Amino acid sequence: MSQTPRDKAYDKAQGRLTRDAARRYQQPDWGAEDPDAREAYDRELSKTMPVISRTGRRR
C-alpha cells in the first residue's frame, strides 16, 4: 500500500466521526433492537418457518 500525504480536513473529519461513534457506543441503549423491526422480523420468520406445536398443528 502506498503512502499518501496527510489531509488535515480528512483527519479532522475522521477524528470527529470516531468520537461520535464512541459516544454513541457508550449510550445505555446502544445496540437496542427496535420493537417494530423485531415484530416484522418475527412475522416474516413465522411465514417461512412455521412452528409445529406439541399437538401437531402449525401455529
N, C-alpha and C. Protein backbone atom coordinates (compact mmCIF):
# COMPACT_ATOMS: atom_id res chain seq x y z
N MET A 1 0.84 -1.17 0.00
CA MET A 1 0.00 0.00 0.00
C MET A 1 0.89 1.24 0.00
N SER A 2 0.60 2.15 -0.86
CA SER A 2 1.45 3.33 -0.95
C SER A 2 1.06 4.36 0.11
N GLN A 3 2.02 5.13 0.49
CA GLN A 3 1.78 6.21 1.44
C GLN A 3 1.20 7.41 0.72
N THR A 4 0.19 8.02 1.30
CA THR A 4 -0.38 9.23 0.72
C THR A 4 -0.15 10.38 1.68
N PRO A 5 -0.05 11.57 1.16
CA PRO A 5 0.13 12.72 2.06
C PRO A 5 -1.09 12.89 2.96
N ARG A 6 -0.85 13.37 4.17
CA ARG A 6 -1.94 13.55 5.13
C ARG A 6 -2.79 14.74 4.73
N ASP A 7 -4.07 14.57 4.85
CA ASP A 7 -5.03 15.64 4.55
C ASP A 7 -5.63 16.09 5.88
N LYS A 8 -5.40 17.34 6.28
CA LYS A 8 -5.86 17.82 7.58
C LYS A 8 -7.38 17.77 7.70
N ALA A 9 -8.09 18.14 6.64
CA ALA A 9 -9.55 18.13 6.69
C ALA A 9 -10.08 16.70 6.87
N TYR A 10 -9.45 15.78 6.17
CA TYR A 10 -9.86 14.38 6.28
C TYR A 10 -9.59 13.86 7.69
N ASP A 11 -8.41 14.14 8.22
CA ASP A 11 -8.07 13.70 9.57
C ASP A 11 -9.03 14.27 10.61
N LYS A 12 -9.39 15.55 10.44
CA LYS A 12 -10.32 16.19 11.36
C LYS A 12 -11.70 15.53 11.30
N ALA A 13 -12.18 15.29 10.09
CA ALA A 13 -13.48 14.64 9.93
C ALA A 13 -13.46 13.21 10.47
N GLN A 14 -12.38 12.50 10.21
CA GLN A 14 -12.27 11.12 10.69
C GLN A 14 -12.24 11.08 12.21
N GLY A 15 -11.53 12.01 12.82
CA GLY A 15 -11.49 12.09 14.28
C GLY A 15 -12.86 12.39 14.87
N ARG A 16 -13.60 13.30 14.22
CA ARG A 16 -14.94 13.64 14.69
C ARG A 16 -15.86 12.44 14.59
N LEU A 17 -15.81 11.73 13.47
CA LEU A 17 -16.66 10.55 13.29
C LEU A 17 -16.32 9.46 14.32
N THR A 18 -15.05 9.30 14.61
CA THR A 18 -14.63 8.31 15.60
C THR A 18 -15.14 8.68 16.98
N ARG A 19 -15.02 9.96 17.35
CA ARG A 19 -15.52 10.41 18.66
C ARG A 19 -17.03 10.24 18.75
N ASP A 20 -17.76 10.59 17.68
CA ASP A 20 -19.21 10.44 17.68
C ASP A 20 -19.62 8.98 17.84
N ALA A 21 -18.92 8.10 17.14
CA ALA A 21 -19.23 6.67 17.25
C ALA A 21 -18.95 6.16 18.66
N ALA A 22 -17.85 6.60 19.25
CA ALA A 22 -17.51 6.18 20.61
C ALA A 22 -18.56 6.70 21.59
N ARG A 23 -19.03 7.91 21.40
CA ARG A 23 -20.05 8.49 22.28
C ARG A 23 -21.36 7.70 22.16
N ARG A 24 -21.76 7.37 20.94
CA ARG A 24 -22.99 6.59 20.74
C ARG A 24 -22.85 5.19 21.34
N TYR A 25 -21.67 4.61 21.23
CA TYR A 25 -21.43 3.26 21.77
C TYR A 25 -21.60 3.25 23.28
N GLN A 26 -21.26 4.33 23.94
CA GLN A 26 -21.33 4.39 25.39
C GLN A 26 -22.73 4.67 25.91
N GLN A 27 -23.67 5.00 25.04
CA GLN A 27 -25.04 5.29 25.48
C GLN A 27 -25.70 3.99 25.94
N PRO A 28 -26.60 4.10 26.94
CA PRO A 28 -27.23 2.90 27.50
C PRO A 28 -28.02 2.08 26.49
N ASP A 29 -28.63 2.71 25.50
CA ASP A 29 -29.47 1.95 24.58
C ASP A 29 -28.74 1.56 23.29
N TRP A 30 -27.42 1.61 23.30
CA TRP A 30 -26.67 1.26 22.10
C TRP A 30 -26.93 -0.19 21.73
N GLY A 31 -27.25 -0.42 20.49
CA GLY A 31 -27.49 -1.77 20.02
C GLY A 31 -28.86 -2.32 20.38
N ALA A 32 -29.70 -1.48 20.98
CA ALA A 32 -31.05 -1.94 21.32
C ALA A 32 -31.84 -2.18 20.04
N GLU A 33 -32.68 -3.15 20.11
CA GLU A 33 -33.45 -3.53 18.94
C GLU A 33 -34.75 -2.73 18.89
N ASP A 34 -35.11 -2.30 17.71
CA ASP A 34 -36.36 -1.59 17.51
C ASP A 34 -37.51 -2.59 17.63
N PRO A 35 -38.48 -2.37 18.54
CA PRO A 35 -39.57 -3.34 18.72
C PRO A 35 -40.36 -3.59 17.44
N ASP A 36 -40.59 -2.56 16.64
CA ASP A 36 -41.34 -2.74 15.39
C ASP A 36 -40.58 -3.62 14.42
N ALA A 37 -39.27 -3.41 14.34
CA ALA A 37 -38.45 -4.23 13.45
C ALA A 37 -38.45 -5.68 13.93
N ARG A 38 -38.42 -5.89 15.22
CA ARG A 38 -38.42 -7.25 15.76
C ARG A 38 -39.73 -7.96 15.43
N GLU A 39 -40.86 -7.25 15.58
CA GLU A 39 -42.16 -7.85 15.27
C GLU A 39 -42.25 -8.20 13.79
N ALA A 40 -41.79 -7.32 12.93
CA ALA A 40 -41.82 -7.58 11.49
C ALA A 40 -40.94 -8.79 11.15
N TYR A 41 -39.77 -8.87 11.78
CA TYR A 41 -38.87 -10.00 11.55
C TYR A 41 -39.52 -11.30 12.00
N ASP A 42 -40.13 -11.29 13.19
CA ASP A 42 -40.79 -12.49 13.70
C ASP A 42 -41.94 -12.92 12.79
N ARG A 43 -42.69 -11.95 12.29
CA ARG A 43 -43.82 -12.25 11.41
C ARG A 43 -43.32 -12.92 10.13
N GLU A 44 -42.27 -12.37 9.53
CA GLU A 44 -41.72 -12.96 8.31
C GLU A 44 -41.11 -14.34 8.58
N LEU A 45 -40.47 -14.48 9.71
CA LEU A 45 -39.87 -15.76 10.06
C LEU A 45 -40.94 -16.83 10.25
N SER A 46 -42.05 -16.46 10.88
CA SER A 46 -43.12 -17.44 11.09
C SER A 46 -43.75 -17.88 9.78
N LYS A 47 -43.71 -17.01 8.76
CA LYS A 47 -44.25 -17.39 7.45
C LYS A 47 -43.36 -18.41 6.76
N THR A 48 -42.06 -18.25 6.92
CA THR A 48 -41.13 -19.12 6.21
C THR A 48 -40.76 -20.38 6.99
N MET A 49 -40.87 -20.32 8.33
CA MET A 49 -40.51 -21.47 9.16
C MET A 49 -41.59 -21.67 10.22
N PRO A 50 -42.74 -22.23 9.84
CA PRO A 50 -43.80 -22.41 10.84
C PRO A 50 -43.38 -23.39 11.94
N VAL A 51 -43.83 -23.10 13.13
CA VAL A 51 -43.51 -23.94 14.28
C VAL A 51 -44.59 -24.99 14.44
N ILE A 52 -44.20 -26.25 14.58
CA ILE A 52 -45.15 -27.32 14.81
C ILE A 52 -45.25 -27.52 16.31
N SER A 53 -46.45 -27.33 16.84
CA SER A 53 -46.63 -27.42 18.29
C SER A 53 -46.73 -28.87 18.74
N ARG A 54 -46.89 -29.07 20.01
CA ARG A 54 -46.96 -30.43 20.57
C ARG A 54 -48.20 -31.17 20.07
N THR A 55 -49.23 -30.42 19.74
CA THR A 55 -50.48 -31.06 19.26
C THR A 55 -50.34 -31.47 17.80
N GLY A 56 -49.25 -31.09 17.16
CA GLY A 56 -49.04 -31.45 15.78
C GLY A 56 -49.57 -30.43 14.78
N ARG A 57 -50.17 -29.37 15.31
CA ARG A 57 -50.69 -28.32 14.43
C ARG A 57 -49.68 -27.20 14.31
N ARG A 58 -49.70 -26.59 13.16
CA ARG A 58 -48.81 -25.44 12.96
C ARG A 58 -49.42 -24.20 13.59
N ARG A 59 -48.56 -23.37 14.12
CA ARG A 59 -49.02 -22.10 14.69
C ARG A 59 -48.93 -21.02 13.65
